[in-house]
mmCIF file of all heavy atoms, coordinates in Angstrom:
data_MODEL
# 
_entry.id   MODEL 
# 
loop_
_atom_site.group_PDB 
_atom_site.id 
_atom_site.type_symbol 
_atom_site.label_atom_id 
_atom_site.label_alt_id 
_atom_site.label_comp_id 
_atom_site.label_asym_id 
_atom_site.label_entity_id 
_atom_site.label_seq_id 
_atom_site.pdbx_PDB_ins_code 
_atom_site.Cartn_x 
_atom_site.Cartn_y 
_atom_site.Cartn_z 
_atom_site.occupancy 
_atom_site.B_iso_or_equiv 
_atom_site.pdbx_formal_charge 
_atom_site.auth_seq_id 
_atom_site.auth_comp_id 
_atom_site.auth_asym_id 
_atom_site.auth_atom_id 
_atom_site.pdbx_PDB_model_num 
ATOM 1   N N   . SER A 1 1  ? -45.593 -32.156 -117.425 1.00 0.00 ? 1  SER A N   1 
ATOM 2   C CA  . SER A 1 1  ? -44.416 -32.290 -118.276 1.00 0.00 ? 1  SER A CA  1 
ATOM 3   C C   . SER A 1 1  ? -43.861 -33.688 -118.132 1.00 0.00 ? 1  SER A C   1 
ATOM 4   O O   . SER A 1 1  ? -43.978 -34.318 -117.090 1.00 0.00 ? 1  SER A O   1 
ATOM 5   C CB  . SER A 1 1  ? -43.355 -31.265 -117.865 1.00 0.00 ? 1  SER A CB  1 
ATOM 6   O OG  . SER A 1 1  ? -42.111 -31.569 -118.439 1.00 0.00 ? 1  SER A OG  1 
ATOM 7   N N   . SER A 1 2  ? -43.238 -34.176 -119.169 1.00 0.00 ? 2  SER A N   1 
ATOM 8   C CA  . SER A 1 2  ? -42.541 -35.470 -119.079 1.00 0.00 ? 2  SER A CA  1 
ATOM 9   C C   . SER A 1 2  ? -41.057 -35.234 -118.865 1.00 0.00 ? 2  SER A C   1 
ATOM 10  O O   . SER A 1 2  ? -40.218 -35.801 -119.520 1.00 0.00 ? 2  SER A O   1 
ATOM 11  C CB  . SER A 1 2  ? -42.766 -36.289 -120.348 1.00 0.00 ? 2  SER A CB  1 
ATOM 12  O OG  . SER A 1 2  ? -42.260 -35.594 -121.470 1.00 0.00 ? 2  SER A OG  1 
ATOM 13  N N   . ALA A 1 3  ? -40.719 -34.387 -117.903 1.00 0.00 ? 3  ALA A N   1 
ATOM 14  C CA  . ALA A 1 3  ? -39.329 -34.015 -117.680 1.00 0.00 ? 3  ALA A CA  1 
ATOM 15  C C   . ALA A 1 3  ? -38.487 -35.181 -117.173 1.00 0.00 ? 3  ALA A C   1 
ATOM 16  O O   . ALA A 1 3  ? -37.285 -35.196 -117.343 1.00 0.00 ? 3  ALA A O   1 
ATOM 17  C CB  . ALA A 1 3  ? -39.265 -32.860 -116.679 1.00 0.00 ? 3  ALA A CB  1 
ATOM 18  N N   . SER A 1 4  ? -39.117 -36.158 -116.531 1.00 0.00 ? 4  SER A N   1 
ATOM 19  C CA  . SER A 1 4  ? -38.382 -37.311 -116.030 1.00 0.00 ? 4  SER A CA  1 
ATOM 20  C C   . SER A 1 4  ? -38.489 -38.466 -117.009 1.00 0.00 ? 4  SER A C   1 
ATOM 21  O O   . SER A 1 4  ? -39.518 -38.631 -117.651 1.00 0.00 ? 4  SER A O   1 
ATOM 22  C CB  . SER A 1 4  ? -38.939 -37.740 -114.668 1.00 0.00 ? 4  SER A CB  1 
ATOM 23  O OG  . SER A 1 4  ? -38.874 -36.681 -113.742 1.00 0.00 ? 4  SER A OG  1 
ATOM 24  N N   . PRO A 1 5  ? -37.447 -39.271 -117.140 1.00 0.00 ? 5  PRO A N   1 
ATOM 25  C CA  . PRO A 1 5  ? -37.518 -40.409 -118.061 1.00 0.00 ? 5  PRO A CA  1 
ATOM 26  C C   . PRO A 1 5  ? -38.489 -41.456 -117.557 1.00 0.00 ? 5  PRO A C   1 
ATOM 27  O O   . PRO A 1 5  ? -38.639 -41.667 -116.361 1.00 0.00 ? 5  PRO A O   1 
ATOM 28  C CB  . PRO A 1 5  ? -36.081 -40.949 -118.065 1.00 0.00 ? 5  PRO A CB  1 
ATOM 29  C CG  . PRO A 1 5  ? -35.528 -40.529 -116.736 1.00 0.00 ? 5  PRO A CG  1 
ATOM 30  C CD  . PRO A 1 5  ? -36.155 -39.194 -116.440 1.00 0.00 ? 5  PRO A CD  1 
ATOM 31  N N   . VAL A 1 6  ? -39.148 -42.138 -118.488 1.00 0.00 ? 6  VAL A N   1 
ATOM 32  C CA  . VAL A 1 6  ? -40.055 -43.222 -118.125 1.00 0.00 ? 6  VAL A CA  1 
ATOM 33  C C   . VAL A 1 6  ? -39.235 -44.453 -117.783 1.00 0.00 ? 6  VAL A C   1 
ATOM 34  O O   . VAL A 1 6  ? -38.286 -44.800 -118.471 1.00 0.00 ? 6  VAL A O   1 
ATOM 35  C CB  . VAL A 1 6  ? -41.017 -43.525 -119.287 1.00 0.00 ? 6  VAL A CB  1 
ATOM 36  C CG1 . VAL A 1 6  ? -41.837 -44.767 -118.976 1.00 0.00 ? 6  VAL A CG1 1 
ATOM 37  C CG2 . VAL A 1 6  ? -41.927 -42.333 -119.534 1.00 0.00 ? 6  VAL A CG2 1 
ATOM 38  N N   . SER A 1 7  ? -39.607 -45.131 -116.705 1.00 0.00 ? 7  SER A N   1 
ATOM 39  C CA  . SER A 1 7  ? -38.914 -46.333 -116.283 1.00 0.00 ? 7  SER A CA  1 
ATOM 40  C C   . SER A 1 7  ? -39.912 -47.422 -115.972 1.00 0.00 ? 7  SER A C   1 
ATOM 41  O O   . SER A 1 7  ? -41.015 -47.136 -115.502 1.00 0.00 ? 7  SER A O   1 
ATOM 42  C CB  . SER A 1 7  ? -38.063 -46.044 -115.036 1.00 0.00 ? 7  SER A CB  1 
ATOM 43  O OG  . SER A 1 7  ? -37.588 -47.244 -114.462 1.00 0.00 ? 7  SER A OG  1 
ATOM 44  N N   . ASP A 1 8  ? -39.543 -48.661 -116.208 1.00 0.00 ? 8  ASP A N   1 
ATOM 45  C CA  . ASP A 1 8  ? -40.404 -49.786 -115.860 1.00 0.00 ? 8  ASP A CA  1 
ATOM 46  C C   . ASP A 1 8  ? -40.188 -50.232 -114.422 1.00 0.00 ? 8  ASP A C   1 
ATOM 47  O O   . ASP A 1 8  ? -40.866 -51.127 -113.932 1.00 0.00 ? 8  ASP A O   1 
ATOM 48  C CB  . ASP A 1 8  ? -40.132 -50.976 -116.793 1.00 0.00 ? 8  ASP A CB  1 
ATOM 49  C CG  . ASP A 1 8  ? -40.642 -50.691 -118.197 1.00 0.00 ? 8  ASP A CG  1 
ATOM 50  O OD1 . ASP A 1 8  ? -41.626 -49.953 -118.314 1.00 0.00 ? 8  ASP A OD1 1 
ATOM 51  O OD2 . ASP A 1 8  ? -40.049 -51.212 -119.155 1.00 0.00 ? 8  ASP A OD2 1 
ATOM 52  N N   . ASP A 1 9  ? -39.243 -49.618 -113.707 1.00 0.00 ? 9  ASP A N   1 
ATOM 53  C CA  . ASP A 1 9  ? -38.980 -49.972 -112.322 1.00 0.00 ? 9  ASP A CA  1 
ATOM 54  C C   . ASP A 1 9  ? -40.128 -49.475 -111.456 1.00 0.00 ? 9  ASP A C   1 
ATOM 55  O O   . ASP A 1 9  ? -40.407 -48.278 -111.392 1.00 0.00 ? 9  ASP A O   1 
ATOM 56  C CB  . ASP A 1 9  ? -37.661 -49.323 -111.895 1.00 0.00 ? 9  ASP A CB  1 
ATOM 57  C CG  . ASP A 1 9  ? -37.284 -49.667 -110.461 1.00 0.00 ? 9  ASP A CG  1 
ATOM 58  O OD1 . ASP A 1 9  ? -38.032 -50.434 -109.819 1.00 0.00 ? 9  ASP A OD1 1 
ATOM 59  O OD2 . ASP A 1 9  ? -36.256 -49.149 -109.994 1.00 0.00 ? 9  ASP A OD2 1 
ATOM 60  N N   . THR A 1 10 ? -40.792 -50.392 -110.740 1.00 0.00 ? 10 THR A N   1 
ATOM 61  C CA  . THR A 1 10 ? -41.946 -49.980 -109.944 1.00 0.00 ? 10 THR A CA  1 
ATOM 62  C C   . THR A 1 10 ? -41.546 -49.033 -108.824 1.00 0.00 ? 10 THR A C   1 
ATOM 63  O O   . THR A 1 10 ? -42.370 -48.257 -108.345 1.00 0.00 ? 10 THR A O   1 
ATOM 64  C CB  . THR A 1 10 ? -42.644 -51.207 -109.331 1.00 0.00 ? 10 THR A CB  1 
ATOM 65  O OG1 . THR A 1 10 ? -41.700 -51.941 -108.546 1.00 0.00 ? 10 THR A OG1 1 
ATOM 66  C CG2 . THR A 1 10 ? -43.203 -52.108 -110.413 1.00 0.00 ? 10 THR A CG2 1 
ATOM 67  N N   . SER A 1 11 ? -40.279 -49.068 -108.370 1.00 0.00 ? 11 SER A N   1 
ATOM 68  C CA  . SER A 1 11 ? -39.872 -48.153 -107.304 1.00 0.00 ? 11 SER A CA  1 
ATOM 69  C C   . SER A 1 11 ? -39.887 -46.716 -107.773 1.00 0.00 ? 11 SER A C   1 
ATOM 70  O O   . SER A 1 11 ? -39.971 -45.788 -106.964 1.00 0.00 ? 11 SER A O   1 
ATOM 71  C CB  . SER A 1 11 ? -38.468 -48.520 -106.806 1.00 0.00 ? 11 SER A CB  1 
ATOM 72  O OG  . SER A 1 11 ? -37.500 -48.318 -107.834 1.00 0.00 ? 11 SER A OG  1 
ATOM 73  N N   . ALA A 1 12 ? -39.827 -46.508 -109.100 1.00 0.00 ? 12 ALA A N   1 
ATOM 74  C CA  . ALA A 1 12 ? -39.851 -45.146 -109.616 1.00 0.00 ? 12 ALA A CA  1 
ATOM 75  C C   . ALA A 1 12 ? -41.156 -44.444 -109.277 1.00 0.00 ? 12 ALA A C   1 
ATOM 76  O O   . ALA A 1 12 ? -41.202 -43.230 -109.152 1.00 0.00 ? 12 ALA A O   1 
ATOM 77  C CB  . ALA A 1 12 ? -39.636 -45.147 -111.125 1.00 0.00 ? 12 ALA A CB  1 
ATOM 78  N N   . THR A 1 13 ? -42.219 -45.202 -109.114 1.00 0.00 ? 13 THR A N   1 
ATOM 79  C CA  . THR A 1 13 ? -43.501 -44.583 -108.813 1.00 0.00 ? 13 THR A CA  1 
ATOM 80  C C   . THR A 1 13 ? -43.557 -44.050 -107.394 1.00 0.00 ? 13 THR A C   1 
ATOM 81  O O   . THR A 1 13 ? -44.414 -43.263 -107.073 1.00 0.00 ? 13 THR A O   1 
ATOM 82  C CB  . THR A 1 13 ? -44.649 -45.588 -109.020 1.00 0.00 ? 13 THR A CB  1 
ATOM 83  O OG1 . THR A 1 13 ? -44.424 -46.731 -108.201 1.00 0.00 ? 13 THR A OG1 1 
ATOM 84  C CG2 . THR A 1 13 ? -44.771 -45.997 -110.474 1.00 0.00 ? 13 THR A CG2 1 
ATOM 85  N N   . THR A 1 14 ? -42.657 -44.488 -106.532 1.00 0.00 ? 14 THR A N   1 
ATOM 86  C CA  . THR A 1 14 ? -42.631 -43.974 -105.174 1.00 0.00 ? 14 THR A CA  1 
ATOM 87  C C   . THR A 1 14 ? -41.570 -42.903 -104.977 1.00 0.00 ? 14 THR A C   1 
ATOM 88  O O   . THR A 1 14 ? -41.696 -42.073 -104.097 1.00 0.00 ? 14 THR A O   1 
ATOM 89  C CB  . THR A 1 14 ? -42.348 -45.112 -104.166 1.00 0.00 ? 14 THR A CB  1 
ATOM 90  O OG1 . THR A 1 14 ? -41.063 -45.666 -104.418 1.00 0.00 ? 14 THR A OG1 1 
ATOM 91  C CG2 . THR A 1 14 ? -43.407 -46.187 -104.256 1.00 0.00 ? 14 THR A CG2 1 
ATOM 92  N N   . ASP A 1 15 ? -40.503 -42.939 -105.776 1.00 0.00 ? 15 ASP A N   1 
ATOM 93  C CA  . ASP A 1 15 ? -39.374 -42.052 -105.531 1.00 0.00 ? 15 ASP A CA  1 
ATOM 94  C C   . ASP A 1 15 ? -39.215 -40.939 -106.558 1.00 0.00 ? 15 ASP A C   1 
ATOM 95  O O   . ASP A 1 15 ? -38.589 -39.929 -106.265 1.00 0.00 ? 15 ASP A O   1 
ATOM 96  C CB  . ASP A 1 15 ? -38.071 -42.866 -105.519 1.00 0.00 ? 15 ASP A CB  1 
ATOM 97  C CG  . ASP A 1 15 ? -38.088 -43.943 -104.450 1.00 0.00 ? 15 ASP A CG  1 
ATOM 98  O OD1 . ASP A 1 15 ? -38.721 -43.708 -103.407 1.00 0.00 ? 15 ASP A OD1 1 
ATOM 99  O OD2 . ASP A 1 15 ? -37.486 -45.008 -104.670 1.00 0.00 ? 15 ASP A OD2 1 
ATOM 100 N N   . ALA A 1 16 ? -39.722 -41.105 -107.755 1.00 0.00 ? 16 ALA A N   1 
ATOM 101 C CA  . ALA A 1 16 ? -39.468 -40.136 -108.822 1.00 0.00 ? 16 ALA A CA  1 
ATOM 102 C C   . ALA A 1 16 ? -40.781 -39.738 -109.477 1.00 0.00 ? 16 ALA A C   1 
ATOM 103 O O   . ALA A 1 16 ? -41.070 -40.118 -110.594 1.00 0.00 ? 16 ALA A O   1 
ATOM 104 C CB  . ALA A 1 16 ? -38.517 -40.713 -109.860 1.00 0.00 ? 16 ALA A CB  1 
ATOM 105 N N   . ILE A 1 17 ? -41.588 -38.992 -108.753 1.00 0.00 ? 17 ILE A N   1 
ATOM 106 C CA  . ILE A 1 17 ? -42.881 -38.546 -109.281 1.00 0.00 ? 17 ILE A CA  1 
ATOM 107 C C   . ILE A 1 17 ? -42.646 -37.455 -110.312 1.00 0.00 ? 17 ILE A C   1 
ATOM 108 O O   . ILE A 1 17 ? -41.833 -36.566 -110.125 1.00 0.00 ? 17 ILE A O   1 
ATOM 109 C CB  . ILE A 1 17 ? -43.760 -38.009 -108.148 1.00 0.00 ? 17 ILE A CB  1 
ATOM 110 C CG1 . ILE A 1 17 ? -43.986 -39.117 -107.116 1.00 0.00 ? 17 ILE A CG1 1 
ATOM 111 C CG2 . ILE A 1 17 ? -45.087 -37.492 -108.659 1.00 0.00 ? 17 ILE A CG2 1 
ATOM 112 C CD1 . ILE A 1 17 ? -44.652 -38.638 -105.875 1.00 0.00 ? 17 ILE A CD1 1 
ATOM 113 N N   . TYR A 1 18 ? -43.385 -37.517 -111.388 1.00 0.00 ? 18 TYR A N   1 
ATOM 114 C CA  . TYR A 1 18 ? -43.240 -36.505 -112.422 1.00 0.00 ? 18 TYR A CA  1 
ATOM 115 C C   . TYR A 1 18 ? -43.551 -35.132 -111.858 1.00 0.00 ? 18 TYR A C   1 
ATOM 116 O O   . TYR A 1 18 ? -44.558 -34.956 -111.165 1.00 0.00 ? 18 TYR A O   1 
ATOM 117 C CB  . TYR A 1 18 ? -44.191 -36.786 -113.588 1.00 0.00 ? 18 TYR A CB  1 
ATOM 118 C CG  . TYR A 1 18 ? -43.591 -37.677 -114.637 1.00 0.00 ? 18 TYR A CG  1 
ATOM 119 C CD1 . TYR A 1 18 ? -43.420 -39.027 -114.398 1.00 0.00 ? 18 TYR A CD1 1 
ATOM 120 C CD2 . TYR A 1 18 ? -43.181 -37.170 -115.857 1.00 0.00 ? 18 TYR A CD2 1 
ATOM 121 C CE1 . TYR A 1 18 ? -42.858 -39.858 -115.351 1.00 0.00 ? 18 TYR A CE1 1 
ATOM 122 C CE2 . TYR A 1 18 ? -42.632 -37.991 -116.813 1.00 0.00 ? 18 TYR A CE2 1 
ATOM 123 C CZ  . TYR A 1 18 ? -42.472 -39.329 -116.552 1.00 0.00 ? 18 TYR A CZ  1 
ATOM 124 O OH  . TYR A 1 18 ? -41.917 -40.152 -117.490 1.00 0.00 ? 18 TYR A OH  1 
ATOM 125 N N   . PRO A 1 19 ? -42.708 -34.120 -112.148 1.00 0.00 ? 19 PRO A N   1 
ATOM 126 C CA  . PRO A 1 19 ? -42.999 -32.771 -111.659 1.00 0.00 ? 19 PRO A CA  1 
ATOM 127 C C   . PRO A 1 19 ? -44.211 -32.188 -112.356 1.00 0.00 ? 19 PRO A C   1 
ATOM 128 O O   . PRO A 1 19 ? -44.481 -32.490 -113.504 1.00 0.00 ? 19 PRO A O   1 
ATOM 129 C CB  . PRO A 1 19 ? -41.730 -31.992 -112.030 1.00 0.00 ? 19 PRO A CB  1 
ATOM 130 C CG  . PRO A 1 19 ? -41.184 -32.716 -113.219 1.00 0.00 ? 19 PRO A CG  1 
ATOM 131 C CD  . PRO A 1 19 ? -41.500 -34.180 -112.985 1.00 0.00 ? 19 PRO A CD  1 
ATOM 132 N N   . HIS A 1 20 ? -44.942 -31.343 -111.646 1.00 0.00 ? 20 HIS A N   1 
ATOM 133 C CA  . HIS A 1 20 ? -46.072 -30.638 -112.243 1.00 0.00 ? 20 HIS A CA  1 
ATOM 134 C C   . HIS A 1 20 ? -45.530 -29.380 -112.926 1.00 0.00 ? 20 HIS A C   1 
ATOM 135 O O   . HIS A 1 20 ? -44.970 -28.507 -112.291 1.00 0.00 ? 20 HIS A O   1 
ATOM 136 C CB  . HIS A 1 20 ? -47.072 -30.223 -111.168 1.00 0.00 ? 20 HIS A CB  1 
ATOM 137 C CG  . HIS A 1 20 ? -47.830 -31.371 -110.612 1.00 0.00 ? 20 HIS A CG  1 
ATOM 138 N ND1 . HIS A 1 20 ? -49.072 -31.255 -110.082 1.00 0.00 ? 20 HIS A ND1 1 
ATOM 139 C CD2 . HIS A 1 20 ? -47.522 -32.685 -110.520 1.00 0.00 ? 20 HIS A CD2 1 
ATOM 140 C CE1 . HIS A 1 20 ? -49.502 -32.425 -109.666 1.00 0.00 ? 20 HIS A CE1 1 
ATOM 141 N NE2 . HIS A 1 20 ? -48.572 -33.309 -109.921 1.00 0.00 ? 20 HIS A NE2 1 
ATOM 142 N N   . SER A 1 21 ? -45.685 -29.299 -114.209 1.00 0.00 ? 21 SER A N   1 
ATOM 143 C CA  . SER A 1 21 ? -45.380 -28.075 -114.926 1.00 0.00 ? 21 SER A CA  1 
ATOM 144 C C   . SER A 1 21 ? -46.514 -27.834 -115.896 1.00 0.00 ? 21 SER A C   1 
ATOM 145 O O   . SER A 1 21 ? -47.462 -28.590 -115.959 1.00 0.00 ? 21 SER A O   1 
ATOM 146 C CB  . SER A 1 21 ? -44.026 -28.163 -115.633 1.00 0.00 ? 21 SER A CB  1 
ATOM 147 O OG  . SER A 1 21 ? -44.038 -29.177 -116.591 1.00 0.00 ? 21 SER A OG  1 
ATOM 148 N N   . PHE A 1 22 ? -46.439 -26.772 -116.660 1.00 0.00 ? 22 PHE A N   1 
ATOM 149 C CA  . PHE A 1 22 ? -47.594 -26.336 -117.412 1.00 0.00 ? 22 PHE A CA  1 
ATOM 150 C C   . PHE A 1 22 ? -47.215 -26.048 -118.855 1.00 0.00 ? 22 PHE A C   1 
ATOM 151 O O   . PHE A 1 22 ? -46.063 -25.814 -119.180 1.00 0.00 ? 22 PHE A O   1 
ATOM 152 C CB  . PHE A 1 22 ? -48.187 -25.064 -116.783 1.00 0.00 ? 22 PHE A CB  1 
ATOM 153 C CG  . PHE A 1 22 ? -48.332 -25.156 -115.307 1.00 0.00 ? 22 PHE A CG  1 
ATOM 154 C CD1 . PHE A 1 22 ? -47.391 -24.616 -114.460 1.00 0.00 ? 22 PHE A CD1 1 
ATOM 155 C CD2 . PHE A 1 22 ? -49.413 -25.822 -114.758 1.00 0.00 ? 22 PHE A CD2 1 
ATOM 156 C CE1 . PHE A 1 22 ? -47.524 -24.720 -113.093 1.00 0.00 ? 22 PHE A CE1 1 
ATOM 157 C CE2 . PHE A 1 22 ? -49.558 -25.925 -113.390 1.00 0.00 ? 22 PHE A CE2 1 
ATOM 158 C CZ  . PHE A 1 22 ? -48.611 -25.374 -112.556 1.00 0.00 ? 22 PHE A CZ  1 
ATOM 159 N N   . ASN A 1 23 ? -48.230 -26.070 -119.699 1.00 0.00 ? 23 ASN A N   1 
ATOM 160 C CA  . ASN A 1 23 ? -48.041 -25.578 -121.045 1.00 0.00 ? 23 ASN A CA  1 
ATOM 161 C C   . ASN A 1 23 ? -49.267 -24.800 -121.450 1.00 0.00 ? 23 ASN A C   1 
ATOM 162 O O   . ASN A 1 23 ? -50.221 -24.674 -120.688 1.00 0.00 ? 23 ASN A O   1 
ATOM 163 C CB  . ASN A 1 23 ? -47.728 -26.718 -122.020 1.00 0.00 ? 23 ASN A CB  1 
ATOM 164 C CG  . ASN A 1 23 ? -48.936 -27.619 -122.248 1.00 0.00 ? 23 ASN A CG  1 
ATOM 165 O OD1 . ASN A 1 23 ? -49.970 -27.479 -121.611 1.00 0.00 ? 23 ASN A OD1 1 
ATOM 166 N ND2 . ASN A 1 23 ? -48.786 -28.545 -123.175 1.00 0.00 ? 23 ASN A ND2 1 
ATOM 167 N N   . SER A 1 24 ? -49.247 -24.265 -122.622 1.00 0.00 ? 24 SER A N   1 
ATOM 168 C CA  . SER A 1 24 ? -50.368 -23.471 -123.097 1.00 0.00 ? 24 SER A CA  1 
ATOM 169 C C   . SER A 1 24 ? -51.495 -24.368 -123.556 1.00 0.00 ? 24 SER A C   1 
ATOM 170 O O   . SER A 1 24 ? -51.278 -25.429 -124.142 1.00 0.00 ? 24 SER A O   1 
ATOM 171 C CB  . SER A 1 24 ? -49.903 -22.578 -124.260 1.00 0.00 ? 24 SER A CB  1 
ATOM 172 O OG  . SER A 1 24 ? -51.022 -22.016 -124.909 1.00 0.00 ? 24 SER A OG  1 
ATOM 173 N N   . ALA A 1 25 ? -52.737 -23.929 -123.300 1.00 0.00 ? 25 ALA A N   1 
ATOM 174 C CA  . ALA A 1 25 ? -53.891 -24.697 -123.759 1.00 0.00 ? 25 ALA A CA  1 
ATOM 175 C C   . ALA A 1 25 ? -53.893 -24.827 -125.282 1.00 0.00 ? 25 ALA A C   1 
ATOM 176 O O   . ALA A 1 25 ? -54.482 -25.756 -125.832 1.00 0.00 ? 25 ALA A O   1 
ATOM 177 C CB  . ALA A 1 25 ? -55.175 -24.033 -123.291 1.00 0.00 ? 25 ALA A CB  1 
# 
């Protein structure tokens, strides 16, 4: 899921990992 906003801040890749969620195939 893209539940978290996209950021260009490189620190976001260490602190705000996108949650794993699911959808239908």
